[in-house]
Amino acid sequence: MDTYTIQLEIKSSITSSIKKITIDKGKINTVKSLLDLGLRHEEQIKILKNLQDGIIALQSPQLATKLDGCPKCGGVMAKKGFNTSDFHSVFTDHKVKTQRQICKECGWRNIPSVKALFGASSHPDLIKLQCETGAEHTYRDAQVILNKQSLVKRKINNHEQIHHVIERVGEGSVIR
């Protein structure tokens, strides 16, 4: 039986090195019915999640707000572990790591998160989909539809969240 491997290949512009991350491996099934042709919905979502996780891990160091000095007292800032925050893409949810900093003088802390940096933790494509689905259906029906597309019950797709997003967009709140 044949197999497949899906890899994310990262080429460094600085060192010209190449790193490969395996996203998914599987067997290529013999086609006995239409269900065997290509990948099933669940397999597709799994690949998207793994691919997003790989790319987000590469992008997360860019989210570090490197402060030269403490905005409160001007003291020296030091690294102090990582903060993990939520990021909701269209079909999957992710954790994003960002560098924390603390002032050595006064103890002021810089704890960046996706929401703090961008004003929201949901990708604009998800917000658009929530608005469109919520406008065409009841909020509870929209919740069911969006969760079926993702194959999991997602807190970000609950009916209250859909209502909140539609209200926010209706008020003209900008998502950066």
N, C-alpha and C. Protein backbone atom coordinates (compact mmCIF):
# COMPACT_ATOMS: atom_id res chain seq x y z
N MET A 1 0.84 -1.18 0.00
CA MET A 1 0.00 0.00 0.00
C MET A 1 0.89 1.24 0.00
N ASP A 2 0.51 2.23 -0.79
CA ASP A 2 1.26 3.49 -0.87
C ASP A 2 0.96 4.36 0.34
N THR A 3 1.91 5.23 0.66
CA THR A 3 1.76 6.16 1.78
C THR A 3 2.07 7.57 1.29
N TYR A 4 1.66 8.54 2.10
CA TYR A 4 1.99 9.93 1.81
C TYR A 4 2.56 10.59 3.05
N THR A 5 3.35 11.63 2.84
CA THR A 5 3.88 12.47 3.91
C THR A 5 3.72 13.92 3.47
N ILE A 6 3.13 14.73 4.33
CA ILE A 6 2.99 16.15 4.06
C ILE A 6 3.95 16.87 5.00
N GLN A 7 4.85 17.67 4.40
CA GLN A 7 5.85 18.37 5.20
C GLN A 7 5.79 19.87 4.96
N LEU A 8 6.09 20.60 6.01
CA LEU A 8 6.26 22.04 5.93
C LEU A 8 7.76 22.27 5.83
N GLU A 9 8.19 22.92 4.77
CA GLU A 9 9.62 23.17 4.55
C GLU A 9 9.89 24.64 4.83
N ILE A 10 10.80 24.90 5.75
CA ILE A 10 11.13 26.26 6.14
C ILE A 10 12.54 26.56 5.65
N LYS A 11 12.66 27.61 4.85
CA LYS A 11 13.96 28.03 4.35
C LYS A 11 14.33 29.33 5.04
N SER A 12 15.44 29.31 5.75
CA SER A 12 15.91 30.50 6.45
C SER A 12 16.55 31.46 5.47
N SER A 13 16.11 32.72 5.49
CA SER A 13 16.71 33.73 4.62
C SER A 13 18.07 34.18 5.16
N ILE A 14 18.31 33.93 6.44
CA ILE A 14 19.56 34.36 7.06
C ILE A 14 20.66 33.32 6.88
N THR A 15 20.36 32.06 7.21
CA THR A 15 21.39 31.02 7.17
C THR A 15 21.29 30.13 5.94
N SER A 16 20.26 30.29 5.14
CA SER A 16 19.99 29.44 3.96
C SER A 16 19.75 27.98 4.33
N SER A 17 19.52 27.72 5.61
CA SER A 17 19.26 26.34 6.02
C SER A 17 17.79 25.98 5.74
N ILE A 18 17.55 24.69 5.64
CA ILE A 18 16.20 24.19 5.38
C ILE A 18 15.82 23.25 6.53
N LYS A 19 14.65 23.49 7.08
CA LYS A 19 14.11 22.65 8.15
C LYS A 19 12.79 22.09 7.67
N LYS A 20 12.54 20.83 7.95
CA LYS A 20 11.28 20.21 7.53
C LYS A 20 10.52 19.74 8.76
N ILE A 21 9.24 20.08 8.79
CA ILE A 21 8.35 19.64 9.87
C ILE A 21 7.27 18.76 9.23
N THR A 22 7.11 17.55 9.74
CA THR A 22 6.09 16.66 9.21
C THR A 22 4.73 17.08 9.73
N ILE A 23 3.83 17.36 8.82
CA ILE A 23 2.48 17.80 9.15
C ILE A 23 1.55 16.61 9.29
N ASP A 24 1.68 15.64 8.39
CA ASP A 24 0.79 14.47 8.42
C ASP A 24 1.41 13.34 7.62
N LYS A 25 1.09 12.13 8.03
CA LYS A 25 1.47 10.92 7.31
C LYS A 25 0.24 10.03 7.24
N GLY A 26 0.15 9.25 6.19
CA GLY A 26 -0.98 8.35 6.10
C GLY A 26 -0.84 7.37 4.95
N LYS A 27 -1.80 6.48 4.91
CA LYS A 27 -1.85 5.49 3.85
C LYS A 27 -2.80 5.97 2.76
N ILE A 28 -2.45 5.68 1.54
CA ILE A 28 -3.33 5.99 0.42
C ILE A 28 -4.19 4.77 0.18
N ASN A 29 -5.47 4.93 0.49
CA ASN A 29 -6.41 3.82 0.43
C ASN A 29 -6.78 3.46 -1.01
N THR A 30 -7.08 2.21 -1.20
CA THR A 30 -7.63 1.75 -2.47
C THR A 30 -9.03 2.31 -2.59
N VAL A 31 -9.35 2.86 -3.73
CA VAL A 31 -10.65 3.49 -3.93
C VAL A 31 -11.69 2.41 -4.24
N LYS A 32 -12.56 2.17 -3.26
CA LYS A 32 -13.66 1.22 -3.43
C LYS A 32 -15.00 1.95 -3.52
N SER A 33 -15.00 3.19 -3.00
CA SER A 33 -16.21 4.02 -3.08
C SER A 33 -15.77 5.47 -3.09
N LEU A 34 -16.72 6.34 -3.26
CA LEU A 34 -16.43 7.76 -3.29
C LEU A 34 -15.85 8.25 -1.96
N LEU A 35 -16.18 7.57 -0.86
CA LEU A 35 -15.64 7.93 0.45
C LEU A 35 -14.12 7.74 0.51
N ASP A 36 -13.57 6.86 -0.31
CA ASP A 36 -12.14 6.58 -0.31
C ASP A 36 -11.33 7.55 -1.17
N LEU A 37 -12.00 8.35 -1.96
CA LEU A 37 -11.31 9.26 -2.87
C LEU A 37 -10.88 10.52 -2.13
N GLY A 38 -9.59 10.78 -2.11
CA GLY A 38 -9.07 11.95 -1.40
C GLY A 38 -9.08 11.76 0.10
N LEU A 39 -9.11 12.87 0.82
CA LEU A 39 -9.09 12.85 2.28
C LEU A 39 -10.47 13.20 2.83
N ARG A 40 -10.81 12.58 3.95
CA ARG A 40 -12.09 12.87 4.61
C ARG A 40 -12.00 14.22 5.31
N HIS A 41 -13.14 14.77 5.65
CA HIS A 41 -13.25 16.08 6.30
C HIS A 41 -12.36 16.15 7.55
N GLU A 42 -12.45 15.15 8.39
CA GLU A 42 -11.68 15.12 9.63
C GLU A 42 -10.17 15.15 9.35
N GLU A 43 -9.74 14.41 8.34
CA GLU A 43 -8.32 14.39 7.98
C GLU A 43 -7.87 15.76 7.45
N GLN A 44 -8.75 16.41 6.69
CA GLN A 44 -8.42 17.73 6.15
C GLN A 44 -8.27 18.76 7.27
N ILE A 45 -9.19 18.73 8.23
CA ILE A 45 -9.13 19.66 9.36
C ILE A 45 -7.85 19.42 10.17
N LYS A 46 -7.49 18.14 10.38
CA LYS A 46 -6.28 17.79 11.12
C LYS A 46 -5.04 18.36 10.42
N ILE A 47 -4.99 18.25 9.12
CA ILE A 47 -3.85 18.78 8.36
C ILE A 47 -3.80 20.30 8.47
N LEU A 48 -4.95 20.96 8.34
CA LEU A 48 -4.99 22.42 8.49
C LEU A 48 -4.49 22.85 9.87
N LYS A 49 -4.95 22.15 10.91
CA LYS A 49 -4.54 22.50 12.28
C LYS A 49 -3.03 22.34 12.44
N ASN A 50 -2.49 21.21 11.99
CA ASN A 50 -1.06 20.97 12.13
C ASN A 50 -0.24 21.98 11.32
N LEU A 51 -0.70 22.32 10.14
CA LEU A 51 -0.02 23.30 9.30
C LEU A 51 -0.05 24.68 9.97
N GLN A 52 -1.22 25.08 10.46
CA GLN A 52 -1.34 26.36 11.16
C GLN A 52 -0.43 26.39 12.39
N ASP A 53 -0.42 25.30 13.17
CA ASP A 53 0.43 25.24 14.36
C ASP A 53 1.90 25.45 13.99
N GLY A 54 2.33 24.81 12.90
CA GLY A 54 3.72 24.94 12.45
C GLY A 54 4.06 26.36 12.04
N ILE A 55 3.18 26.99 11.27
CA ILE A 55 3.43 28.35 10.81
C ILE A 55 3.35 29.35 11.97
N ILE A 56 2.38 29.16 12.85
CA ILE A 56 2.23 30.06 14.01
C ILE A 56 3.47 29.98 14.91
N ALA A 57 4.01 28.77 15.09
CA ALA A 57 5.22 28.62 15.91
C ALA A 57 6.38 29.41 15.30
N LEU A 58 6.44 29.46 13.98
CA LEU A 58 7.49 30.23 13.31
C LEU A 58 7.25 31.73 13.39
N GLN A 59 5.99 32.14 13.41
CA GLN A 59 5.66 33.56 13.46
C GLN A 59 5.67 34.14 14.87
N SER A 60 5.46 33.32 15.88
CA SER A 60 5.29 33.85 17.24
C SER A 60 6.47 34.67 17.75
N PRO A 61 7.73 34.37 17.40
CA PRO A 61 8.81 35.26 17.87
C PRO A 61 8.67 36.69 17.35
N GLN A 62 8.00 36.88 16.22
CA GLN A 62 7.79 38.22 15.66
C GLN A 62 6.84 39.05 16.52
N LEU A 63 6.08 38.38 17.39
CA LEU A 63 5.09 39.08 18.22
C LEU A 63 5.70 39.65 19.50
N ALA A 64 6.98 39.38 19.73
CA ALA A 64 7.64 39.89 20.93
C ALA A 64 7.78 41.40 20.83
N THR A 65 7.31 42.09 21.85
CA THR A 65 7.49 43.54 21.90
C THR A 65 8.77 43.81 22.69
N LYS A 66 9.84 44.06 21.98
CA LYS A 66 11.14 44.25 22.62
C LYS A 66 11.24 45.68 23.12
N LEU A 67 11.15 45.83 24.40
CA LEU A 67 11.22 47.15 25.02
C LEU A 67 12.65 47.44 25.43
N ASP A 68 13.16 48.61 25.05
CA ASP A 68 14.52 49.01 25.43
C ASP A 68 14.59 49.34 26.91
N GLY A 69 13.49 49.84 27.44
CA GLY A 69 13.44 50.20 28.85
C GLY A 69 12.02 50.16 29.35
N CYS A 70 11.87 50.13 30.64
CA CYS A 70 10.56 50.09 31.26
C CYS A 70 9.80 51.39 30.98
N PRO A 71 8.56 51.29 30.48
CA PRO A 71 7.80 52.52 30.23
C PRO A 71 7.39 53.24 31.52
N LYS A 72 7.46 52.52 32.65
CA LYS A 72 7.05 53.11 33.93
C LYS A 72 8.21 53.86 34.60
N CYS A 73 9.39 53.19 34.65
CA CYS A 73 10.51 53.81 35.39
C CYS A 73 11.79 53.95 34.57
N GLY A 74 11.79 53.39 33.35
CA GLY A 74 12.99 53.47 32.52
C GLY A 74 14.02 52.41 32.83
N GLY A 75 13.69 51.50 33.75
CA GLY A 75 14.62 50.44 34.14
C GLY A 75 14.86 49.41 33.04
N VAL A 76 15.77 48.51 33.32
CA VAL A 76 16.16 47.46 32.37
C VAL A 76 15.12 46.35 32.37
N MET A 77 14.72 45.96 31.16
CA MET A 77 13.75 44.87 31.00
C MET A 77 14.48 43.54 30.83
N ALA A 78 13.93 42.49 31.44
CA ALA A 78 14.51 41.16 31.32
C ALA A 78 13.43 40.18 30.86
N LYS A 79 13.85 39.15 30.14
CA LYS A 79 12.91 38.11 29.71
C LYS A 79 12.43 37.35 30.94
N LYS A 80 11.15 37.00 30.93
CA LYS A 80 10.57 36.31 32.09
C LYS A 80 9.57 35.26 31.61
N GLY A 81 10.05 34.27 30.88
CA GLY A 81 9.19 33.18 30.44
C GLY A 81 8.32 33.56 29.25
N PHE A 82 7.28 32.78 29.07
CA PHE A 82 6.40 32.97 27.93
C PHE A 82 4.95 33.04 28.38
N ASN A 83 4.16 33.74 27.58
CA ASN A 83 2.72 33.80 27.77
C ASN A 83 2.08 33.01 26.63
N THR A 84 1.09 32.24 26.93
CA THR A 84 0.37 31.49 25.90
C THR A 84 -1.03 32.08 25.78
N SER A 85 -1.39 32.47 24.57
CA SER A 85 -2.71 33.05 24.36
C SER A 85 -3.42 32.32 23.22
N ASP A 86 -4.72 32.51 23.17
CA ASP A 86 -5.54 31.84 22.16
C ASP A 86 -5.53 32.59 20.85
N PHE A 87 -5.61 31.84 19.77
CA PHE A 87 -5.81 32.37 18.43
C PHE A 87 -6.80 31.46 17.74
N HIS A 88 -7.86 32.05 17.19
CA HIS A 88 -8.91 31.27 16.53
C HIS A 88 -8.86 31.54 15.04
N SER A 89 -8.48 30.52 14.28
CA SER A 89 -8.50 30.67 12.83
C SER A 89 -9.86 30.18 12.34
N VAL A 90 -10.08 30.10 11.06
CA VAL A 90 -11.41 29.81 10.53
C VAL A 90 -11.96 28.48 11.05
N PHE A 91 -11.18 27.42 11.00
CA PHE A 91 -11.69 26.10 11.37
C PHE A 91 -11.02 25.49 12.60
N THR A 92 -9.96 26.12 13.09
CA THR A 92 -9.17 25.52 14.17
C THR A 92 -8.76 26.56 15.21
N ASP A 93 -8.46 26.08 16.41
CA ASP A 93 -8.02 26.93 17.51
C ASP A 93 -6.56 26.61 17.82
N HIS A 94 -5.82 27.64 18.22
CA HIS A 94 -4.38 27.47 18.43
C HIS A 94 -3.92 28.23 19.66
N LYS A 95 -2.76 27.84 20.17
CA LYS A 95 -2.10 28.54 21.27
C LYS A 95 -0.86 29.23 20.69
N VAL A 96 -0.70 30.50 21.03
CA VAL A 96 0.43 31.29 20.53
C VAL A 96 1.30 31.68 21.72
N LYS A 97 2.60 31.38 21.61
CA LYS A 97 3.56 31.73 22.66
C LYS A 97 4.19 33.08 22.36
N THR A 98 4.19 33.97 23.37
CA THR A 98 4.86 35.25 23.24
C THR A 98 5.77 35.47 24.45
N GLN A 99 6.86 36.16 24.24
CA GLN A 99 7.86 36.41 25.28
C GLN A 99 7.36 37.42 26.30
N ARG A 100 7.42 37.07 27.57
CA ARG A 100 7.10 38.01 28.66
C ARG A 100 8.36 38.76 29.05
N GLN A 101 8.17 39.98 29.55
CA GLN A 101 9.29 40.77 30.07
C GLN A 101 8.90 41.38 31.40
N ILE A 102 9.90 41.58 32.24
CA ILE A 102 9.68 42.22 33.54
C ILE A 102 10.79 43.24 33.79
N CYS A 103 10.42 44.34 34.40
CA CYS A 103 11.40 45.38 34.73
C CYS A 103 12.17 44.93 35.96
N LYS A 104 13.50 44.99 35.88
CA LYS A 104 14.35 44.59 37.01
C LYS A 104 14.28 45.59 38.16
N GLU A 105 13.86 46.84 37.85
CA GLU A 105 13.83 47.89 38.86
C GLU A 105 12.50 47.90 39.63
N CYS A 106 11.39 48.08 38.90
CA CYS A 106 10.10 48.29 39.57
C CYS A 106 9.14 47.09 39.48
N GLY A 107 9.50 46.10 38.68
CA GLY A 107 8.65 44.91 38.57
C GLY A 107 7.53 45.00 37.56
N TRP A 108 7.46 46.13 36.80
CA TRP A 108 6.42 46.25 35.76
C TRP A 108 6.56 45.10 34.77
N ARG A 109 5.41 44.58 34.32
CA ARG A 109 5.42 43.41 33.44
C ARG A 109 4.82 43.72 32.08
N ASN A 110 5.45 43.18 31.05
CA ASN A 110 4.92 43.23 29.69
C ASN A 110 4.52 41.79 29.35
N ILE A 111 3.22 41.57 29.27
CA ILE A 111 2.71 40.22 29.00
C ILE A 111 1.87 40.29 27.73
N PRO A 112 2.51 40.20 26.56
CA PRO A 112 1.76 40.31 25.30
C PRO A 112 0.88 39.10 25.03
N SER A 113 -0.25 39.35 24.39
CA SER A 113 -1.14 38.28 23.95
C SER A 113 -1.65 38.66 22.56
N VAL A 114 -2.22 37.73 21.85
CA VAL A 114 -2.78 38.01 20.53
C VAL A 114 -3.83 39.11 20.65
N LYS A 115 -4.71 38.98 21.63
CA LYS A 115 -5.77 39.97 21.80
C LYS A 115 -5.22 41.36 22.15
N ALA A 116 -4.22 41.40 23.02
CA ALA A 116 -3.63 42.68 23.40
C ALA A 116 -2.92 43.34 22.22
N LEU A 117 -2.28 42.55 21.38
CA LEU A 117 -1.53 43.09 20.25
C LEU A 117 -2.42 43.52 19.09
N PHE A 118 -3.53 42.78 18.84
CA PHE A 118 -4.34 43.02 17.66
C PHE A 118 -5.78 43.43 17.94
N GLY A 119 -6.19 43.43 19.21
CA GLY A 119 -7.55 43.83 19.55
C GLY A 119 -8.57 42.71 19.49
N ALA A 120 -8.16 41.55 19.03
CA ALA A 120 -9.04 40.38 18.93
C ALA A 120 -8.17 39.13 18.87
N SER A 121 -8.76 37.99 19.19
CA SER A 121 -8.02 36.73 19.08
C SER A 121 -8.55 35.86 17.95
N SER A 122 -9.53 36.38 17.21
CA SER A 122 -10.11 35.65 16.08
C SER A 122 -9.61 36.25 14.77
N HIS A 123 -9.29 35.38 13.84
CA HIS A 123 -8.85 35.82 12.52
C HIS A 123 -10.01 36.54 11.83
N PRO A 124 -9.74 37.61 11.09
CA PRO A 124 -10.82 38.32 10.40
C PRO A 124 -11.66 37.44 9.47
N ASP A 125 -11.07 36.39 8.90
CA ASP A 125 -11.85 35.48 8.06
C ASP A 125 -12.90 34.73 8.88
N LEU A 126 -12.56 34.37 10.13
CA LEU A 126 -13.53 33.71 11.00
C LEU A 126 -14.64 34.69 11.36
N ILE A 127 -14.27 35.92 11.68
CA ILE A 127 -15.27 36.93 12.04
C ILE A 127 -16.23 37.16 10.88
N LYS A 128 -15.70 37.23 9.67
CA LYS A 128 -16.53 37.40 8.48
C LYS A 128 -17.50 36.23 8.33
N LEU A 129 -17.00 35.02 8.51
CA LEU A 129 -17.84 33.83 8.40
C LEU A 129 -18.91 33.81 9.48
N GLN A 130 -18.56 34.19 10.71
CA GLN A 130 -19.53 34.25 11.79
C GLN A 130 -20.61 35.28 11.49
N CYS A 131 -20.22 36.43 10.98
CA CYS A 131 -21.20 37.49 10.65
C CYS A 131 -22.14 37.03 9.54
N GLU A 132 -21.58 36.47 8.49
CA GLU A 132 -22.41 36.03 7.37
C GLU A 132 -23.37 34.92 7.79
N THR A 133 -22.87 33.96 8.54
CA THR A 133 -23.71 32.84 8.98
C THR A 133 -24.75 33.31 9.99
N GLY A 134 -24.33 34.18 10.91
CA GLY A 134 -25.25 34.72 11.91
C GLY A 134 -26.32 35.62 11.31
N ALA A 135 -26.02 36.26 10.17
CA ALA A 135 -27.00 37.11 9.51
C ALA A 135 -28.04 36.30 8.75
N GLU A 136 -27.65 35.12 8.30
CA GLU A 136 -28.55 34.28 7.50
C GLU A 136 -29.34 33.27 8.34
N HIS A 137 -28.91 33.05 9.58
CA HIS A 137 -29.54 32.05 10.45
C HIS A 137 -29.69 32.62 11.86
N THR A 138 -30.41 31.91 12.70
CA THR A 138 -30.44 32.31 14.11
C THR A 138 -29.03 32.10 14.66
N TYR A 139 -28.72 32.76 15.75
CA TYR A 139 -27.38 32.62 16.33
C TYR A 139 -27.12 31.18 16.76
N ARG A 140 -28.13 30.52 17.28
CA ARG A 140 -27.95 29.12 17.69
C ARG A 140 -27.74 28.20 16.48
N ASP A 141 -28.48 28.45 15.39
CA ASP A 141 -28.28 27.66 14.17
C ASP A 141 -26.90 27.95 13.57
N ALA A 142 -26.48 29.20 13.61
CA ALA A 142 -25.15 29.56 13.11
C ALA A 142 -24.07 28.83 13.90
N GLN A 143 -24.26 28.73 15.21
CA GLN A 143 -23.33 28.01 16.08
C GLN A 143 -23.21 26.55 15.61
N VAL A 144 -24.33 25.91 15.37
CA VAL A 144 -24.33 24.51 14.93
C VAL A 144 -23.64 24.37 13.57
N ILE A 145 -23.96 25.25 12.65
CA ILE A 145 -23.38 25.20 11.30
C ILE A 145 -21.87 25.36 11.35
N LEU A 146 -21.40 26.38 12.07
CA LEU A 146 -19.96 26.64 12.14
C LEU A 146 -19.22 25.50 12.84
N ASN A 147 -19.81 24.93 13.87
CA ASN A 147 -19.17 23.81 14.55
C ASN A 147 -19.14 22.56 13.68
N LYS A 148 -20.15 22.37 12.86
CA LYS A 148 -20.14 21.23 11.93
C LYS A 148 -19.02 21.39 10.91
N GLN A 149 -18.80 22.61 10.46
CA GLN A 149 -17.71 22.84 9.50
C GLN A 149 -16.36 22.54 10.12
N SER A 150 -16.21 22.84 11.40
CA SER A 150 -14.95 22.62 12.10
C SER A 150 -14.82 21.22 12.67
N LEU A 151 -15.91 20.51 12.74
CA LEU A 151 -16.00 19.14 13.29
C LEU A 151 -15.82 19.06 14.79
N VAL A 152 -15.76 20.19 15.47
CA VAL A 152 -15.67 20.18 16.93
C VAL A 152 -16.52 21.33 17.47
N LYS A 153 -16.92 21.19 18.72
CA LYS A 153 -17.64 22.28 19.38
C LYS A 153 -16.60 23.29 19.85
N ARG A 154 -16.66 24.48 19.26
CA ARG A 154 -15.69 25.52 19.57
C ARG A 154 -16.36 26.62 20.39
N LYS A 155 -15.74 27.01 21.49
CA LYS A 155 -16.28 28.08 22.32
C LYS A 155 -16.42 29.38 21.53
N ILE A 156 -15.50 29.61 20.61
CA ILE A 156 -15.52 30.85 19.83
C ILE A 156 -16.74 30.91 18.91
N ASN A 157 -17.36 29.77 18.64
CA ASN A 157 -18.53 29.73 17.76
C ASN A 157 -19.84 29.63 18.52
N ASN A 158 -19.84 29.87 19.83
CA ASN A 158 -21.12 29.77 20.54
C ASN A 158 -22.02 30.94 20.14
N HIS A 159 -23.31 30.75 20.34
CA HIS A 159 -24.29 31.73 19.86
C HIS A 159 -24.08 33.13 20.47
N GLU A 160 -23.64 33.19 21.72
CA GLU A 160 -23.39 34.49 22.34
C GLU A 160 -22.21 35.19 21.68
N GLN A 161 -21.18 34.43 21.35
CA GLN A 161 -20.02 35.00 20.68
C GLN A 161 -20.39 35.51 19.29
N ILE A 162 -21.20 34.75 18.56
CA ILE A 162 -21.65 35.17 17.23
C ILE A 162 -22.44 36.47 17.34
N HIS A 163 -23.33 36.55 18.32
CA HIS A 163 -24.10 37.78 18.56
C HIS A 163 -23.16 38.94 18.86
N HIS A 164 -22.19 38.72 19.73
CA HIS A 164 -21.22 39.76 20.11
C HIS A 164 -20.43 40.25 18.90
N VAL A 165 -19.98 39.33 18.06
CA VAL A 165 -19.20 39.70 16.87
C VAL A 165 -20.05 40.53 15.91
N ILE A 166 -21.28 40.12 15.70
CA ILE A 166 -22.16 40.86 14.80
C ILE A 166 -22.43 42.27 15.35
N GLU A 167 -22.66 42.39 16.65
CA GLU A 167 -22.87 43.70 17.27
C GLU A 167 -21.62 44.58 17.11
N ARG A 168 -20.47 44.00 17.34
CA ARG A 168 -19.21 44.73 17.26
C ARG A 168 -18.93 45.23 15.85
N VAL A 169 -19.16 44.37 14.88
CA VAL A 169 -18.98 44.76 13.49
C VAL A 169 -20.02 45.81 13.10
N GLY A 170 -21.25 45.64 13.56
CA GLY A 170 -22.31 46.61 13.29
C GLY A 170 -22.02 47.98 13.86
N GLU A 171 -21.31 48.02 14.99
CA GLU A 171 -20.92 49.30 15.61
C GLU A 171 -19.75 49.94 14.90
N GLY A 172 -19.13 49.18 13.99
CA GLY A 172 -17.99 49.71 13.26
C GLY A 172 -16.66 49.47 13.93
N SER A 173 -16.65 48.57 14.92
CA SER A 173 -15.37 48.24 15.57
C SER A 173 -14.46 47.59 14.52
N VAL A 174 -13.25 48.07 14.48
CA VAL A 174 -12.29 47.56 13.49
C VAL A 174 -11.46 46.46 14.11
N ILE A 175 -11.30 45.39 13.36
CA ILE A 175 -10.44 44.28 13.79
C ILE A 175 -9.17 44.40 12.98
N ARG A 176 -8.05 44.57 13.65
CA ARG A 176 -6.78 44.77 12.96
C ARG A 176 -6.15 43.49 12.52
